[in-house]
Amino acid sequence: MTVTYKGLWKLLIEKGLQKQDLVNHAGLSSATVAKMGRGEPVSNKVLVKICDYLECSVNDIMSYE
């Protein structure tokens, strides 16, 4: 089972945002965003930061396949 962040990338597109906005406004490092781009797991703290910034739930941004 692998982590996928397809929901996150789709949500960013819908809101007219880019991955760099997660670095600039959600307080993530570029390394963390790159890690997510490769489908690697990240901490719950990172997921909470993203959800706070995008005003969504964890289920909206990630899933397991």
PDB file of N, CA and C in Angstrom:
ATOM      1  N   MET A   1       0.851  -1.172   0.000  1.00  0.00           N
ATOM      2  CA  MET A   1       0.000   0.000   0.000  1.00  0.00           C
ATOM      3  C   MET A   1       0.904   1.245   0.000  1.00  0.00           C
ATOM      4  N   THR A   2       0.609   2.173  -0.886  1.00  0.00           N
ATOM      5  CA  THR A   2       1.404   3.396  -0.972  1.00  0.00           C
ATOM      6  C   THR A   2       0.536   4.616  -0.750  1.00  0.00           C
ATOM      7  N   VAL A   3       1.180   5.678  -0.295  1.00  0.00           N
ATOM      8  CA  VAL A   3       0.498   6.945  -0.068  1.00  0.00           C
ATOM      9  C   VAL A   3       0.410   7.695  -1.387  1.00  0.00           C
ATOM     10  N   THR A   4      -0.719   8.312  -1.640  1.00  0.00           N
ATOM     11  CA  THR A   4      -0.857   9.162  -2.814  1.00  0.00           C
ATOM     12  C   THR A   4      -1.455  10.500  -2.390  1.00  0.00           C
ATOM     13  N   TYR A   5      -0.963  11.546  -3.011  1.00  0.00           N
ATOM     14  CA  TYR A   5      -1.428  12.893  -2.698  1.00  0.00           C
ATOM     15  C   TYR A   5      -2.159  13.505  -3.887  1.00  0.00           C
ATOM     16  N   LYS A   6      -2.788  12.663  -4.693  1.00  0.00           N
ATOM     17  CA  LYS A   6      -3.507  13.141  -5.875  1.00  0.00           C
ATOM     18  C   LYS A   6      -4.542  14.184  -5.506  1.00  0.00           C
ATOM     19  N   GLY A   7      -5.212  13.980  -4.379  1.00  0.00           N
ATOM     20  CA  GLY A   7      -6.220  14.941  -3.937  1.00  0.00           C
ATOM     21  C   GLY A   7      -5.615  16.308  -3.655  1.00  0.00           C
ATOM     22  N   LEU A   8      -4.412  16.326  -3.101  1.00  0.00           N
ATOM     23  CA  LEU A   8      -3.729  17.591  -2.815  1.00  0.00           C
ATOM     24  C   LEU A   8      -3.409  18.327  -4.095  1.00  0.00           C
ATOM     25  N   TRP A   9      -2.819  17.619  -5.058  1.00  0.00           N
ATOM     26  CA  TRP A   9      -2.436  18.282  -6.314  1.00  0.00           C
ATOM     27  C   TRP A   9      -3.676  18.784  -7.047  1.00  0.00           C
ATOM     28  N   LYS A  10      -4.756  18.018  -7.008  1.00  0.00           N
ATOM     29  CA  LYS A  10      -6.006  18.441  -7.650  1.00  0.00           C
ATOM     30  C   LYS A  10      -6.567  19.684  -6.952  1.00  0.00           C
ATOM     31  N   LEU A  11      -6.524  19.685  -5.630  1.00  0.00           N
ATOM     32  CA  LEU A  11      -7.029  20.820  -4.855  1.00  0.00           C
ATOM     33  C   LEU A  11      -6.215  22.088  -5.129  1.00  0.00           C
ATOM     34  N   LEU A  12      -4.905  21.933  -5.235  1.00  0.00           N
ATOM     35  CA  LEU A  12      -4.061  23.091  -5.559  1.00  0.00           C
ATOM     36  C   LEU A  12      -4.456  23.680  -6.909  1.00  0.00           C
ATOM     37  N   ILE A  13      -4.672  22.827  -7.900  1.00  0.00           N
ATOM     38  CA  ILE A  13      -5.076  23.295  -9.224  1.00  0.00           C
ATOM     39  C   ILE A  13      -6.417  24.008  -9.150  1.00  0.00           C
ATOM     40  N   GLU A  14      -7.377  23.411  -8.442  1.00  0.00           N
ATOM     41  CA  GLU A  14      -8.708  24.008  -8.321  1.00  0.00           C
ATOM     42  C   GLU A  14      -8.659  25.391  -7.675  1.00  0.00           C
ATOM     43  N   LYS A  15      -7.725  25.579  -6.738  1.00  0.00           N
ATOM     44  CA  LYS A  15      -7.612  26.859  -6.037  1.00  0.00           C
ATOM     45  C   LYS A  15      -6.642  27.816  -6.720  1.00  0.00           C
ATOM     46  N   GLY A  16      -6.075  27.389  -7.852  1.00  0.00           N
ATOM     47  CA  GLY A  16      -5.141  28.231  -8.579  1.00  0.00           C
ATOM     48  C   GLY A  16      -3.818  28.431  -7.859  1.00  0.00           C
ATOM     49  N   LEU A  17      -3.413  27.417  -7.102  1.00  0.00           N
ATOM     50  CA  LEU A  17      -2.175  27.490  -6.324  1.00  0.00           C
ATOM     51  C   LEU A  17      -1.120  26.567  -6.909  1.00  0.00           C
ATOM     52  N   GLN A  18       0.120  26.761  -6.469  1.00  0.00           N
ATOM     53  CA  GLN A  18       1.224  25.911  -6.892  1.00  0.00           C
ATOM     54  C   GLN A  18       1.871  25.285  -5.665  1.00  0.00           C
ATOM     55  N   LYS A  19       2.720  24.302  -5.904  1.00  0.00           N
ATOM     56  CA  LYS A  19       3.420  23.646  -4.798  1.00  0.00           C
ATOM     57  C   LYS A  19       4.218  24.654  -3.977  1.00  0.00           C
ATOM     58  N   GLN A  20       4.760  25.658  -4.641  1.00  0.00           N
ATOM     59  CA  GLN A  20       5.555  26.668  -3.947  1.00  0.00           C
ATOM     60  C   GLN A  20       4.715  27.433  -2.921  1.00  0.00           C
ATOM     61  N   ASP A  21       3.415  27.545  -3.147  1.00  0.00           N
ATOM     62  CA  ASP A  21       2.532  28.202  -2.174  1.00  0.00           C
ATOM     63  C   ASP A  21       2.506  27.439  -0.854  1.00  0.00           C
ATOM     64  N   LEU A  22       2.672  26.128  -0.898  1.00  0.00           N
ATOM     65  CA  LEU A  22       2.730  25.347   0.337  1.00  0.00           C
ATOM     66  C   LEU A  22       3.982  25.706   1.130  1.00  0.00           C
ATOM     67  N   VAL A  23       5.058  25.982   0.422  1.00  0.00           N
ATOM     68  CA  VAL A  23       6.302  26.394   1.081  1.00  0.00           C
ATOM     69  C   VAL A  23       6.144  27.805   1.647  1.00  0.00           C
ATOM     70  N   ASN A  24       5.622  28.711   0.830  1.00  0.00           N
ATOM     71  CA  ASN A  24       5.541  30.121   1.210  1.00  0.00           C
ATOM     72  C   ASN A  24       4.474  30.418   2.256  1.00  0.00           C
ATOM     73  N   HIS A  25       3.359  29.696   2.221  1.00  0.00           N
ATOM     74  CA  HIS A  25       2.224  30.075   3.072  1.00  0.00           C
ATOM     75  C   HIS A  25       1.817  29.034   4.109  1.00  0.00           C
ATOM     76  N   ALA A  26       2.145  27.771   3.876  1.00  0.00           N
ATOM     77  CA  ALA A  26       1.752  26.726   4.830  1.00  0.00           C
ATOM     78  C   ALA A  26       2.905  26.352   5.753  1.00  0.00           C
ATOM     79  N   GLY A  27       4.078  26.920   5.509  1.00  0.00           N
ATOM     80  CA  GLY A  27       5.213  26.659   6.389  1.00  0.00           C
ATOM     81  C   GLY A  27       5.906  25.336   6.161  1.00  0.00           C
ATOM     82  N   LEU A  28       5.801  24.796   4.945  1.00  0.00           N
ATOM     83  CA  LEU A  28       6.481  23.539   4.641  1.00  0.00           C
ATOM     84  C   LEU A  28       7.835  23.822   4.009  1.00  0.00           C
ATOM     85  N   SER A  29       8.743  22.880   4.137  1.00  0.00           N
ATOM     86  CA  SER A  29      10.030  23.014   3.453  1.00  0.00           C
ATOM     87  C   SER A  29       9.877  22.488   2.023  1.00  0.00           C
ATOM     88  N   SER A  30      10.732  22.959   1.146  1.00  0.00           N
ATOM     89  CA  SER A  30      10.688  22.474  -0.239  1.00  0.00           C
ATOM     90  C   SER A  30      11.017  20.977  -0.278  1.00  0.00           C
ATOM     91  N   ALA A  31      11.842  20.509   0.649  1.00  0.00           N
ATOM     92  CA  ALA A  31      12.166  19.080   0.714  1.00  0.00           C
ATOM     93  C   ALA A  31      10.926  18.247   1.053  1.00  0.00           C
ATOM     94  N   THR A  32      10.088  18.766   1.930  1.00  0.00           N
ATOM     95  CA  THR A  32       8.856  18.053   2.291  1.00  0.00           C
ATOM     96  C   THR A  32       7.908  17.984   1.106  1.00  0.00           C
ATOM     97  N   VAL A  33       7.768  19.091   0.392  1.00  0.00           N
ATOM     98  CA  VAL A  33       6.891  19.107  -0.788  1.00  0.00           C
ATOM     99  C   VAL A  33       7.433  18.153  -1.846  1.00  0.00           C
ATOM    100  N   ALA A  34       8.752  18.108  -2.015  1.00  0.00           N
ATOM    101  CA  ALA A  34       9.359  17.179  -2.966  1.00  0.00           C
ATOM    102  C   ALA A  34       9.103  15.735  -2.549  1.00  0.00           C
ATOM    103  N   LYS A  35       9.190  15.476  -1.270  1.00  0.00           N
ATOM    104  CA  LYS A  35       8.927  14.142  -0.728  1.00  0.00           C
ATOM    105  C   LYS A  35       7.495  13.714  -1.061  1.00  0.00           C
ATOM    106  N   MET A  36       6.565  14.626  -0.897  1.00  0.00           N
ATOM    107  CA  MET A  36       5.168  14.333  -1.219  1.00  0.00           C
ATOM    108  C   MET A  36       4.998  14.108  -2.719  1.00  0.00           C
ATOM    109  N   GLY A  37       5.749  14.851  -3.513  1.00  0.00           N
ATOM    110  CA  GLY A  37       5.699  14.674  -4.958  1.00  0.00           C
ATOM    111  C   GLY A  37       6.140  13.286  -5.389  1.00  0.00           C
ATOM    112  N   ARG A  38       6.990  12.666  -4.591  1.00  0.00           N
ATOM    113  CA  ARG A  38       7.445  11.303  -4.859  1.00  0.00           C
ATOM    114  C   ARG A  38       6.532  10.253  -4.219  1.00  0.00           C
ATOM    115  N   GLY A  39       5.482  10.711  -3.539  1.00  0.00           N
ATOM    116  CA  GLY A  39       4.543   9.785  -2.915  1.00  0.00           C
ATOM    117  C   GLY A  39       5.043   9.185  -1.620  1.00  0.00           C
ATOM    118  N   GLU A  40       6.000   9.844  -0.980  1.00  0.00           N
ATOM    119  CA  GLU A  40       6.522   9.356   0.291  1.00  0.00           C
ATOM    120  C   GLU A  40       5.675   9.890   1.439  1.00  0.00           C
ATOM    121  N   PRO A  41       5.550   9.129   2.515  1.00  0.00           N
ATOM    122  CA  PRO A  41       4.745   9.587   3.649  1.00  0.00           C
ATOM    123  C   PRO A  41       5.384  10.779   4.357  1.00  0.00           C
ATOM    124  N   VAL A  42       4.538  11.610   4.931  1.00  0.00           N
ATOM    125  CA  VAL A  42       4.984  12.757   5.728  1.00  0.00           C
ATOM    126  C   VAL A  42       4.282  12.694   7.081  1.00  0.00           C
ATOM    127  N   SER A  43       4.719  13.521   8.006  1.00  0.00           N
ATOM    128  CA  SER A  43       4.157  13.489   9.362  1.00  0.00           C
ATOM    129  C   SER A  43       2.748  14.069   9.404  1.00  0.00           C
ATOM    130  N   ASN A  44       2.043  13.710  10.459  1.00  0.00           N
ATOM    131  CA  ASN A  44       0.708  14.275  10.671  1.00  0.00           C
ATOM    132  C   ASN A  44       0.773  15.787  10.834  1.00  0.00           C
ATOM    133  N   LYS A  45       1.853  16.286  11.417  1.00  0.00           N
ATOM    134  CA  LYS A  45       2.031  17.724  11.593  1.00  0.00           C
ATOM    135  C   LYS A  45       2.016  18.441  10.235  1.00  0.00           C
ATOM    136  N   VAL A  46       2.666  17.854   9.255  1.00  0.00           N
ATOM    137  CA  VAL A  46       2.693  18.418   7.899  1.00  0.00           C
ATOM    138  C   VAL A  46       1.281  18.406   7.316  1.00  0.00           C
ATOM    139  N   LEU A  47       0.585  17.310   7.474  1.00  0.00           N
ATOM    140  CA  LEU A  47      -0.779  17.208   6.937  1.00  0.00           C
ATOM    141  C   LEU A  47      -1.699  18.242   7.569  1.00  0.00           C
ATOM    142  N   VAL A  48      -1.543  18.476   8.866  1.00  0.00           N
ATOM    143  CA  VAL A  48      -2.361  19.474   9.558  1.00  0.00           C
ATOM    144  C   VAL A  48      -2.067  20.881   9.013  1.00  0.00           C
ATOM    145  N   LYS A  49      -0.795  21.192   8.788  1.00  0.00           N
ATOM    146  CA  LYS A  49      -0.428  22.499   8.233  1.00  0.00           C
ATOM    147  C   LYS A  49      -1.081  22.717   6.874  1.00  0.00           C
ATOM    148  N   ILE A  50      -1.043  21.682   6.038  1.00  0.00           N
ATOM    149  CA  ILE A  50      -1.644  21.787   4.705  1.00  0.00           C
ATOM    150  C   ILE A  50      -3.151  21.983   4.815  1.00  0.00           C
ATOM    151  N   CYS A  51      -3.781  21.186   5.660  1.00  0.00           N
ATOM    152  CA  CYS A  51      -5.237  21.279   5.817  1.00  0.00           C
ATOM    153  C   CYS A  51      -5.660  22.629   6.387  1.00  0.00           C
ATOM    154  N   ASP A  52      -4.895  23.156   7.322  1.00  0.00           N
ATOM    155  CA  ASP A  52      -5.201  24.482   7.856  1.00  0.00           C
ATOM    156  C   ASP A  52      -5.114  25.534   6.756  1.00  0.00           C
ATOM    157  N   TYR A  53      -4.072  25.456   5.951  1.00  0.00           N
ATOM    158  CA  TYR A  53      -3.869  26.430   4.878  1.00  0.00           C
ATOM    159  C   TYR A  53      -4.949  26.315   3.804  1.00  0.00           C
ATOM    160  N   LEU A  54      -5.277  25.097   3.399  1.00  0.00           N
ATOM    161  CA  LEU A  54      -6.242  24.893   2.315  1.00  0.00           C
ATOM    162  C   LEU A  54      -7.685  24.782   2.806  1.00  0.00           C
ATOM    163  N   GLU A  55      -7.872  24.791   4.128  1.00  0.00           N
ATOM    164  CA  GLU A  55      -9.203  24.660   4.731  1.00  0.00           C
ATOM    165  C   GLU A  55      -9.908  23.405   4.219  1.00  0.00           C
ATOM    166  N   CYS A  56      -9.255  22.274   4.456  1.00  0.00           N
ATOM    167  CA  CYS A  56      -9.795  20.997   4.010  1.00  0.00           C
ATOM    168  C   CYS A  56      -9.481  19.933   5.054  1.00  0.00           C
ATOM    169  N   SER A  57      -9.870  18.703   4.781  1.00  0.00           N
ATOM    170  CA  SER A  57      -9.558  17.597   5.691  1.00  0.00           C
ATOM    171  C   SER A  57      -8.457  16.731   5.086  1.00  0.00           C
ATOM    172  N   VAL A  58      -7.859  15.902   5.913  1.00  0.00           N
ATOM    173  CA  VAL A  58      -6.800  15.009   5.452  1.00  0.00           C
ATOM    174  C   VAL A  58      -7.322  14.097   4.341  1.00  0.00           C
ATOM    175  N   ASN A  59      -8.558  13.655   4.458  1.00  0.00           N
ATOM    176  CA  ASN A  59      -9.147  12.789   3.431  1.00  0.00           C
ATOM    177  C   ASN A  59      -9.221  13.473   2.071  1.00  0.00           C
ATOM    178  N   ASP A  60      -9.238  14.801   2.057  1.00  0.00           N
ATOM    179  CA  ASP A  60      -9.297  15.537   0.797  1.00  0.00           C
ATOM    180  C   ASP A  60      -7.952  15.546   0.074  1.00  0.00           C
ATOM    181  N   ILE A  61      -6.860  15.367   0.802  1.00  0.00           N
ATOM    182  CA  ILE A  61      -5.538  15.550   0.190  1.00  0.00           C
ATOM    183  C   ILE A  61      -4.724  14.275   0.027  1.00  0.00           C
ATOM    184  N   MET A  62      -5.036  13.228   0.763  1.00  0.00           N
ATOM    185  CA  MET A  62      -4.234  12.009   0.645  1.00  0.00           C
ATOM    186  C   MET A  62      -5.095  10.773   0.722  1.00  0.00           C
ATOM    187  N   SER A  63      -4.543   9.695   0.175  1.00  0.00           N
ATOM    188  CA  SER A  63      -5.214   8.400   0.254  1.00  0.00           C
ATOM    189  C   SER A  63      -4.156   7.316   0.140  1.00  0.00           C
ATOM    190  N   TYR A  64      -4.566   6.085   0.364  1.00  0.00           N
ATOM    191  CA  TYR A  64      -3.686   4.934   0.230  1.00  0.00           C
ATOM    192  C   TYR A  64      -4.165   4.087  -0.940  1.00  0.00           C
ATOM    193  N   GLU A  65      -3.234   3.652  -1.724  1.00  0.00           N
ATOM    194  CA  GLU A  65      -3.594   2.787  -2.879  1.00  0.00           C
ATOM    195  C   GLU A  65      -2.854   1.479  -2.782  1.00  0.00           C
TER     196      GLU A  65
END
